[in-house]
Amino acid sequence: MAELLNVKRSAVSKYESGSIPLTDETILTLADRFGVSTDYLLGHTDVPNPVTDSINLDTLEYALFDEVRELDDKSKETRYR
C-alpha cells in the first residue's frame, strides 16, 4: 500500500490507526487505483462505481475507459475533444 500511495510504510500505519487523516489526494489516488468512487471508500454508498455499474461495459470498453482515465488533461483534450 505504501508503494501504491508513494508514502512511507509508517504513514500507512498511521492512516490505518487513524492517527493521521487521509488527504483528499490520497483518497482520490485510492479510488482511482481500485476503480471505485470516493463515496464508496468513505462509506457513503454501497455501489463501488456508480458510473460503470449503471451501464453494461464489456472487457474492451473497461480497458479503454481505464486507458483514458490515465491520460493527463492535455492529452485528453487533444485526443478526445
PDB file of N, CA and C in Angstrom:
ATOM      1  N   MET A   1       0.818  -1.183   0.000  1.00  0.00           N
ATOM      2  CA  MET A   1       0.000   0.000   0.000  1.00  0.00           C
ATOM      3  C   MET A   1       0.870   1.258   0.000  1.00  0.00           C
ATOM      4  N   ALA A   2       1.966   1.221   0.730  1.00  0.00           N
ATOM      5  CA  ALA A   2       2.862   2.376   0.778  1.00  0.00           C
ATOM      6  C   ALA A   2       3.403   2.702  -0.611  1.00  0.00           C
ATOM      7  N   GLU A   3       3.777   1.671  -1.338  1.00  0.00           N
ATOM      8  CA  GLU A   3       4.293   1.883  -2.694  1.00  0.00           C
ATOM      9  C   GLU A   3       3.210   2.461  -3.599  1.00  0.00           C
ATOM     10  N   LEU A   4       2.005   1.938  -3.481  1.00  0.00           N
ATOM     11  CA  LEU A   4       0.884   2.407  -4.284  1.00  0.00           C
ATOM     12  C   LEU A   4       0.629   3.897  -4.064  1.00  0.00           C
ATOM     13  N   LEU A   5       0.729   4.323  -2.811  1.00  0.00           N
ATOM     14  CA  LEU A   5       0.453   5.718  -2.456  1.00  0.00           C
ATOM     15  C   LEU A   5       1.687   6.608  -2.484  1.00  0.00           C
ATOM     16  N   ASN A   6       2.850   5.979  -2.704  1.00  0.00           N
ATOM     17  CA  ASN A   6       4.117   6.700  -2.729  1.00  0.00           C
ATOM     18  C   ASN A   6       4.375   7.423  -1.392  1.00  0.00           C
ATOM     19  N   VAL A   7       4.149   6.660  -0.311  1.00  0.00           N
ATOM     20  CA  VAL A   7       4.407   7.164   1.039  1.00  0.00           C
ATOM     21  C   VAL A   7       5.203   6.115   1.809  1.00  0.00           C
ATOM     22  N   LYS A   8       5.688   6.488   2.983  1.00  0.00           N
ATOM     23  CA  LYS A   8       6.404   5.530   3.821  1.00  0.00           C
ATOM     24  C   LYS A   8       5.418   4.560   4.467  1.00  0.00           C
ATOM     25  N   ARG A   9       5.921   3.387   4.809  1.00  0.00           N
ATOM     26  CA  ARG A   9       5.088   2.383   5.462  1.00  0.00           C
ATOM     27  C   ARG A   9       4.517   2.909   6.776  1.00  0.00           C
ATOM     28  N   SER A  10       5.279   3.723   7.456  1.00  0.00           N
ATOM     29  CA  SER A  10       4.803   4.282   8.719  1.00  0.00           C
ATOM     30  C   SER A  10       3.578   5.179   8.511  1.00  0.00           C
ATOM     31  N   ALA A  11       3.529   5.853   7.360  1.00  0.00           N
ATOM     32  CA  ALA A  11       2.362   6.692   7.059  1.00  0.00           C
ATOM     33  C   ALA A  11       1.116   5.831   6.882  1.00  0.00           C
ATOM     34  N   VAL A  12       1.269   4.691   6.199  1.00  0.00           N
ATOM     35  CA  VAL A  12       0.137   3.779   6.019  1.00  0.00           C
ATOM     36  C   VAL A  12      -0.351   3.286   7.368  1.00  0.00           C
ATOM     37  N   SER A  13       0.571   2.956   8.244  1.00  0.00           N
ATOM     38  CA  SER A  13       0.206   2.510   9.592  1.00  0.00           C
ATOM     39  C   SER A  13      -0.579   3.597  10.329  1.00  0.00           C
ATOM     40  N   LYS A  14      -0.164   4.837  10.173  1.00  0.00           N
ATOM     41  CA  LYS A  14      -0.859   5.954  10.820  1.00  0.00           C
ATOM     42  C   LYS A  14      -2.230   6.184  10.204  1.00  0.00           C
ATOM     43  N   TYR A  15      -2.352   6.003   8.886  1.00  0.00           N
ATOM     44  CA  TYR A  15      -3.664   6.093   8.243  1.00  0.00           C
ATOM     45  C   TYR A  15      -4.594   5.036   8.835  1.00  0.00           C
ATOM     46  N   GLU A  16      -4.079   3.811   8.916  1.00  0.00           N
ATOM     47  CA  GLU A  16      -4.883   2.690   9.396  1.00  0.00           C
ATOM     48  C   GLU A  16      -5.311   2.874  10.847  1.00  0.00           C
ATOM     49  N   SER A  17      -4.454   3.425  11.668  1.00  0.00           N
ATOM     50  CA  SER A  17      -4.786   3.611  13.087  1.00  0.00           C
ATOM     51  C   SER A  17      -5.639   4.848  13.316  1.00  0.00           C
ATOM     52  N   GLY A  18      -5.714   5.711  12.312  1.00  0.00           N
ATOM     53  CA  GLY A  18      -6.490   6.936  12.442  1.00  0.00           C
ATOM     54  C   GLY A  18      -5.734   8.066  13.109  1.00  0.00           C
ATOM     55  N   SER A  19      -4.430   7.876  13.319  1.00  0.00           N
ATOM     56  CA  SER A  19      -3.664   8.937  13.972  1.00  0.00           C
ATOM     57  C   SER A  19      -3.377  10.111  13.034  1.00  0.00           C
ATOM     58  N   ILE A  20      -3.415   9.875  11.729  1.00  0.00           N
ATOM     59  CA  ILE A  20      -3.371  10.975  10.759  1.00  0.00           C
ATOM     60  C   ILE A  20      -4.470  10.734   9.735  1.00  0.00           C
ATOM     61  N   PRO A  21      -5.129  11.801   9.285  1.00  0.00           N
ATOM     62  CA  PRO A  21      -6.207  11.631   8.306  1.00  0.00           C
ATOM     63  C   PRO A  21      -5.659  11.460   6.892  1.00  0.00           C
ATOM     64  N   LEU A  22      -6.429  10.804   6.076  1.00  0.00           N
ATOM     65  CA  LEU A  22      -6.086  10.706   4.660  1.00  0.00           C
ATOM     66  C   LEU A  22      -6.308  12.071   4.012  1.00  0.00           C
ATOM     67  N   THR A  23      -5.404  12.460   3.145  1.00  0.00           N
ATOM     68  CA  THR A  23      -5.595  13.706   2.403  1.00  0.00           C
ATOM     69  C   THR A  23      -6.572  13.453   1.264  1.00  0.00           C
ATOM     70  N   ASP A  24      -7.144  14.514   0.741  1.00  0.00           N
ATOM     71  CA  ASP A  24      -8.038  14.380  -0.414  1.00  0.00           C
ATOM     72  C   ASP A  24      -7.311  13.700  -1.570  1.00  0.00           C
ATOM     73  N   GLU A  25      -6.063  14.080  -1.782  1.00  0.00           N
ATOM     74  CA  GLU A  25      -5.267  13.498  -2.864  1.00  0.00           C
ATOM     75  C   GLU A  25      -5.091  11.993  -2.672  1.00  0.00           C
ATOM     76  N   THR A  26      -4.856  11.563  -1.426  1.00  0.00           N
ATOM     77  CA  THR A  26      -4.683  10.142  -1.145  1.00  0.00           C
ATOM     78  C   THR A  26      -5.984   9.385  -1.387  1.00  0.00           C
ATOM     79  N   ILE A  27      -7.096   9.963  -0.980  1.00  0.00           N
ATOM     80  CA  ILE A  27      -8.402   9.332  -1.201  1.00  0.00           C
ATOM     81  C   ILE A  27      -8.669   9.193  -2.695  1.00  0.00           C
ATOM     82  N   LEU A  28      -8.371  10.239  -3.448  1.00  0.00           N
ATOM     83  CA  LEU A  28      -8.557  10.182  -4.903  1.00  0.00           C
ATOM     84  C   LEU A  28      -7.660   9.127  -5.545  1.00  0.00           C
ATOM     85  N   THR A  29      -6.422   9.039  -5.065  1.00  0.00           N
ATOM     86  CA  THR A  29      -5.492   8.034  -5.589  1.00  0.00           C
ATOM     87  C   THR A  29      -6.016   6.628  -5.315  1.00  0.00           C
ATOM     88  N   LEU A  30      -6.486   6.383  -4.099  1.00  0.00           N
ATOM     89  CA  LEU A  30      -7.027   5.064  -3.749  1.00  0.00           C
ATOM     90  C   LEU A  30      -8.247   4.728  -4.618  1.00  0.00           C
ATOM     91  N   ALA A  31      -9.142   5.685  -4.761  1.00  0.00           N
ATOM     92  CA  ALA A  31     -10.340   5.459  -5.567  1.00  0.00           C
ATOM     93  C   ALA A  31      -9.962   5.121  -7.006  1.00  0.00           C
ATOM     94  N   ASP A  32      -9.020   5.869  -7.548  1.00  0.00           N
ATOM     95  CA  ASP A  32      -8.576   5.633  -8.925  1.00  0.00           C
ATOM     96  C   ASP A  32      -7.923   4.267  -9.070  1.00  0.00           C
ATOM     97  N   ARG A  33      -7.025   3.934  -8.164  1.00  0.00           N
ATOM     98  CA  ARG A  33      -6.290   2.661  -8.250  1.00  0.00           C
ATOM     99  C   ARG A  33      -7.205   1.445  -8.103  1.00  0.00           C
ATOM    100  N   PHE A  34      -8.242   1.579  -7.259  1.00  0.00           N
ATOM    101  CA  PHE A  34      -9.137   0.450  -7.036  1.00  0.00           C
ATOM    102  C   PHE A  34     -10.399   0.507  -7.897  1.00  0.00           C
ATOM    103  N   GLY A  35     -10.529   1.550  -8.713  1.00  0.00           N
ATOM    104  CA  GLY A  35     -11.656   1.653  -9.626  1.00  0.00           C
ATOM    105  C   GLY A  35     -12.993   1.821  -8.923  1.00  0.00           C
ATOM    106  N   VAL A  36     -12.985   2.564  -7.826  1.00  0.00           N
ATOM    107  CA  VAL A  36     -14.219   2.811  -7.089  1.00  0.00           C
ATOM    108  C   VAL A  36     -14.383   4.316  -6.885  1.00  0.00           C
ATOM    109  N   SER A  37     -15.561   4.718  -6.460  1.00  0.00           N
ATOM    110  CA  SER A  37     -15.789   6.136  -6.197  1.00  0.00           C
ATOM    111  C   SER A  37     -15.262   6.507  -4.816  1.00  0.00           C
ATOM    112  N   THR A  38     -15.004   7.787  -4.629  1.00  0.00           N
ATOM    113  CA  THR A  38     -14.587   8.244  -3.306  1.00  0.00           C
ATOM    114  C   THR A  38     -15.724   8.056  -2.300  1.00  0.00           C
ATOM    115  N   ASP A  39     -16.950   8.209  -2.745  1.00  0.00           N
ATOM    116  CA  ASP A  39     -18.091   7.971  -1.848  1.00  0.00           C
ATOM    117  C   ASP A  39     -18.099   6.537  -1.333  1.00  0.00           C
ATOM    118  N   TYR A  40     -17.732   5.592  -2.181  1.00  0.00           N
ATOM    119  CA  TYR A  40     -17.659   4.194  -1.759  1.00  0.00           C
ATOM    120  C   TYR A  40     -16.557   4.011  -0.710  1.00  0.00           C
ATOM    121  N   LEU A  41     -15.396   4.607  -0.956  1.00  0.00           N
ATOM    122  CA  LEU A  41     -14.298   4.499   0.007  1.00  0.00           C
ATOM    123  C   LEU A  41     -14.663   5.094   1.365  1.00  0.00           C
ATOM    124  N   LEU A  42     -15.424   6.179   1.328  1.00  0.00           N
ATOM    125  CA  LEU A  42     -15.782   6.875   2.556  1.00  0.00           C
ATOM    126  C   LEU A  42     -17.034   6.311   3.225  1.00  0.00           C
ATOM    127  N   GLY A  43     -17.625   5.290   2.610  1.00  0.00           N
ATOM    128  CA  GLY A  43     -18.786   4.632   3.201  1.00  0.00           C
ATOM    129  C   GLY A  43     -20.105   5.340   2.972  1.00  0.00           C
ATOM    130  N   HIS A  44     -20.159   6.230   1.990  1.00  0.00           N
ATOM    131  CA  HIS A  44     -21.393   6.957   1.699  1.00  0.00           C
ATOM    132  C   HIS A  44     -22.335   6.196   0.772  1.00  0.00           C
ATOM    133  N   THR A  45     -21.832   5.133   0.137  1.00  0.00           N
ATOM    134  CA  THR A  45     -22.647   4.330  -0.768  1.00  0.00           C
ATOM    135  C   THR A  45     -22.133   2.898  -0.767  1.00  0.00           C
ATOM    136  N   ASP A  46     -23.008   1.985  -1.119  1.00  0.00           N
ATOM    137  CA  ASP A  46     -22.621   0.580  -1.262  1.00  0.00           C
ATOM    138  C   ASP A  46     -22.277   0.229  -2.706  1.00  0.00           C
ATOM    139  N   VAL A  47     -22.435   1.186  -3.604  1.00  0.00           N
ATOM    140  CA  VAL A  47     -22.154   0.973  -5.025  1.00  0.00           C
ATOM    141  C   VAL A  47     -20.717   1.395  -5.294  1.00  0.00           C
ATOM    142  N   PRO A  48     -19.836   0.422  -5.621  1.00  0.00           N
ATOM    143  CA  PRO A  48     -18.414   0.750  -5.809  1.00  0.00           C
ATOM    144  C   PRO A  48     -18.139   1.811  -6.870  1.00  0.00           C
ATOM    145  N   ASN A  49     -18.818   1.734  -7.998  1.00  0.00           N
ATOM    146  CA  ASN A  49     -18.581   2.694  -9.062  1.00  0.00           C
ATOM    147  C   ASN A  49     -19.884   2.979  -9.786  1.00  0.00           C
ATOM    148  N   PRO A  50     -20.611   4.000  -9.347  1.00  0.00           N
ATOM    149  CA  PRO A  50     -21.925   4.254  -9.935  1.00  0.00           C
ATOM    150  C   PRO A  50     -21.901   4.537 -11.429  1.00  0.00           C
ATOM    151  N   VAL A  51     -20.807   5.089 -11.939  1.00  0.00           N
ATOM    152  CA  VAL A  51     -20.740   5.392 -13.374  1.00  0.00           C
ATOM    153  C   VAL A  51     -20.707   4.114 -14.194  1.00  0.00           C
ATOM    154  N   THR A  52     -19.784   3.215 -13.893  1.00  0.00           N
ATOM    155  CA  THR A  52     -19.661   1.996 -14.691  1.00  0.00           C
ATOM    156  C   THR A  52     -20.648   0.925 -14.255  1.00  0.00           C
ATOM    157  N   ASP A  53     -21.126   0.955 -13.012  1.00  0.00           N
ATOM    158  CA  ASP A  53     -22.084  -0.045 -12.572  1.00  0.00           C
ATOM    159  C   ASP A  53     -23.478   0.216 -13.125  1.00  0.00           C
ATOM    160  N   SER A  54     -23.736   1.441 -13.571  1.00  0.00           N
ATOM    161  CA  SER A  54     -25.057   1.767 -14.076  1.00  0.00           C
ATOM    162  C   SER A  54     -25.206   1.448 -15.564  1.00  0.00           C
ATOM    163  N   ILE A  55     -24.104   1.112 -16.232  1.00  0.00           N
ATOM    164  CA  ILE A  55     -24.153   0.741 -17.642  1.00  0.00           C
ATOM    165  C   ILE A  55     -23.416  -0.565 -17.838  1.00  0.00           C
ATOM    166  N   ASN A  56     -23.740  -1.259 -18.878  1.00  0.00           N
ATOM    167  CA  ASN A  56     -23.061  -2.519 -19.186  1.00  0.00           C
ATOM    168  C   ASN A  56     -21.879  -2.265 -20.102  1.00  0.00           C
ATOM    169  N   LEU A  57     -20.684  -2.495 -19.600  1.00  0.00           N
ATOM    170  CA  LEU A  57     -19.484  -2.358 -20.405  1.00  0.00           C
ATOM    171  C   LEU A  57     -18.842  -3.723 -20.561  1.00  0.00           C
ATOM    172  N   ASP A  58     -18.358  -4.008 -21.758  1.00  0.00           N
ATOM    173  CA  ASP A  58     -17.639  -5.262 -21.927  1.00  0.00           C
ATOM    174  C   ASP A  58     -16.162  -5.040 -21.565  1.00  0.00           C
ATOM    175  N   THR A  59     -15.376  -6.075 -21.607  1.00  0.00           N
ATOM    176  CA  THR A  59     -13.981  -6.017 -21.172  1.00  0.00           C
ATOM    177  C   THR A  59     -13.180  -4.983 -21.945  1.00  0.00           C
ATOM    178  N   LEU A  60     -13.360  -4.908 -23.247  1.00  0.00           N
ATOM    179  CA  LEU A  60     -12.632  -3.933 -24.055  1.00  0.00           C
ATOM    180  C   LEU A  60     -13.013  -2.512 -23.658  1.00  0.00           C
ATOM    181  N   GLU A  61     -14.291  -2.277 -23.429  1.00  0.00           N
ATOM    182  CA  GLU A  61     -14.737  -0.944 -23.046  1.00  0.00           C
ATOM    183  C   GLU A  61     -14.136  -0.530 -21.690  1.00  0.00           C
ATOM    184  N   TYR A  62     -14.080  -1.460 -20.739  1.00  0.00           N
ATOM    185  CA  TYR A  62     -13.429  -1.165 -19.460  1.00  0.00           C
ATOM    186  C   TYR A  62     -11.956  -0.816 -19.670  1.00  0.00           C
ATOM    187  N   ALA A  63     -11.277  -1.558 -20.530  1.00  0.00           N
ATOM    188  CA  ALA A  63      -9.862  -1.304 -20.797  1.00  0.00           C
ATOM    189  C   ALA A  63      -9.674   0.087 -21.394  1.00  0.00           C
ATOM    190  N   LEU A  64     -10.529   0.460 -22.337  1.00  0.00           N
ATOM    191  CA  LEU A  64     -10.439   1.783 -22.941  1.00  0.00           C
ATOM    192  C   LEU A  64     -10.752   2.877 -21.920  1.00  0.00           C
ATOM    193  N   PHE A  65     -11.746   2.635 -21.084  1.00  0.00           N
ATOM    194  CA  PHE A  65     -12.101   3.573 -20.029  1.00  0.00           C
ATOM    195  C   PHE A  65     -10.905   3.823 -19.117  1.00  0.00           C
ATOM    196  N   ASP A  66     -10.226   2.755 -18.713  1.00  0.00           N
ATOM    197  CA  ASP A  66      -9.050   2.885 -17.853  1.00  0.00           C
ATOM    198  C   ASP A  66      -7.912   3.610 -18.563  1.00  0.00           C
ATOM    199  N   GLU A  67      -7.749   3.331 -19.850  1.00  0.00           N
ATOM    200  CA  GLU A  67      -6.684   3.984 -20.612  1.00  0.00           C
ATOM    201  C   GLU A  67      -6.910   5.493 -20.676  1.00  0.00           C
ATOM    202  N   VAL A  68      -8.126   5.890 -20.916  1.00  0.00           N
ATOM    203  CA  VAL A  68      -8.444   7.320 -20.973  1.00  0.00           C
ATOM    204  C   VAL A  68      -8.281   7.955 -19.600  1.00  0.00           C
ATOM    205  N   ARG A  69      -8.677   7.251 -18.553  1.00  0.00           N
ATOM    206  CA  ARG A  69      -8.576   7.782 -17.193  1.00  0.00           C
ATOM    207  C   ARG A  69      -7.131   8.092 -16.822  1.00  0.00           C
ATOM    208  N   GLU A  70      -6.181   7.356 -17.369  1.00  0.00           N
ATOM    209  CA  GLU A  70      -4.770   7.539 -17.038  1.00  0.00           C
ATOM    210  C   GLU A  70      -4.111   8.700 -17.789  1.00  0.00           C
ATOM    211  N   LEU A  71      -4.773   9.227 -18.788  1.00  0.00           N
ATOM    212  CA  LEU A  71      -4.198  10.337 -19.554  1.00  0.00           C
ATOM    213  C   LEU A  71      -4.236  11.624 -18.752  1.00  0.00           C
ATOM    214  N   ASP A  72      -3.253  12.491 -18.976  1.00  0.00           N
ATOM    215  CA  ASP A  72      -3.310  13.803 -18.346  1.00  0.00           C
ATOM    216  C   ASP A  72      -4.327  14.664 -19.093  1.00  0.00           C
ATOM    217  N   ASP A  73      -4.714  15.773 -18.493  1.00  0.00           N
ATOM    218  CA  ASP A  73      -5.775  16.615 -19.053  1.00  0.00           C
ATOM    219  C   ASP A  73      -5.457  17.109 -20.460  1.00  0.00           C
ATOM    220  N   LYS A  74      -4.203  17.469 -20.719  1.00  0.00           N
ATOM    221  CA  LYS A  74      -3.837  17.969 -22.045  1.00  0.00           C
ATOM    222  C   LYS A  74      -4.000  16.885 -23.098  1.00  0.00           C
ATOM    223  N   SER A  75      -3.591  15.655 -22.777  1.00  0.00           N
ATOM    224  CA  SER A  75      -3.746  14.553 -23.714  1.00  0.00           C
ATOM    225  C   SER A  75      -5.211  14.255 -23.985  1.00  0.00           C
ATOM    226  N   LYS A  76      -6.025  14.299 -22.946  1.00  0.00           N
ATOM    227  CA  LYS A  76      -7.465  14.069 -23.130  1.00  0.00           C
ATOM    228  C   LYS A  76      -8.050  15.133 -24.053  1.00  0.00           C
ATOM    229  N   GLU A  77      -7.667  16.374 -23.810  1.00  0.00           N
ATOM    230  CA  GLU A  77      -8.194  17.469 -24.618  1.00  0.00           C
ATOM    231  C   GLU A  77      -7.778  17.314 -26.083  1.00  0.00           C
ATOM    232  N   THR A  78      -6.526  16.931 -26.309  1.00  0.00           N
ATOM    233  CA  THR A  78      -6.015  16.782 -27.667  1.00  0.00           C
ATOM    234  C   THR A  78      -6.660  15.609 -28.390  1.00  0.00           C
ATOM    235  N   ARG A  79      -6.799  14.482 -27.696  1.00  0.00           N
ATOM    236  CA  ARG A  79      -7.283  13.267 -28.337  1.00  0.00           C
ATOM    237  C   ARG A  79      -8.788  13.161 -28.451  1.00  0.00           C
ATOM    238  N   TYR A  80      -9.518  13.679 -27.479  1.00  0.00           N
ATOM    239  CA  TYR A  80     -10.932  13.343 -27.408  1.00  0.00           C
ATOM    240  C   TYR A  80     -11.895  14.527 -27.466  1.00  0.00           C
ATOM    241  N   ARG A  81     -11.410  15.703 -27.800  1.00  0.00           N
ATOM    242  CA  ARG A  81     -12.344  16.837 -27.881  1.00  0.00           C
ATOM    243  C   ARG A  81     -12.190  17.565 -29.168  1.00  0.00           C
TER     244      ARG A  81
END
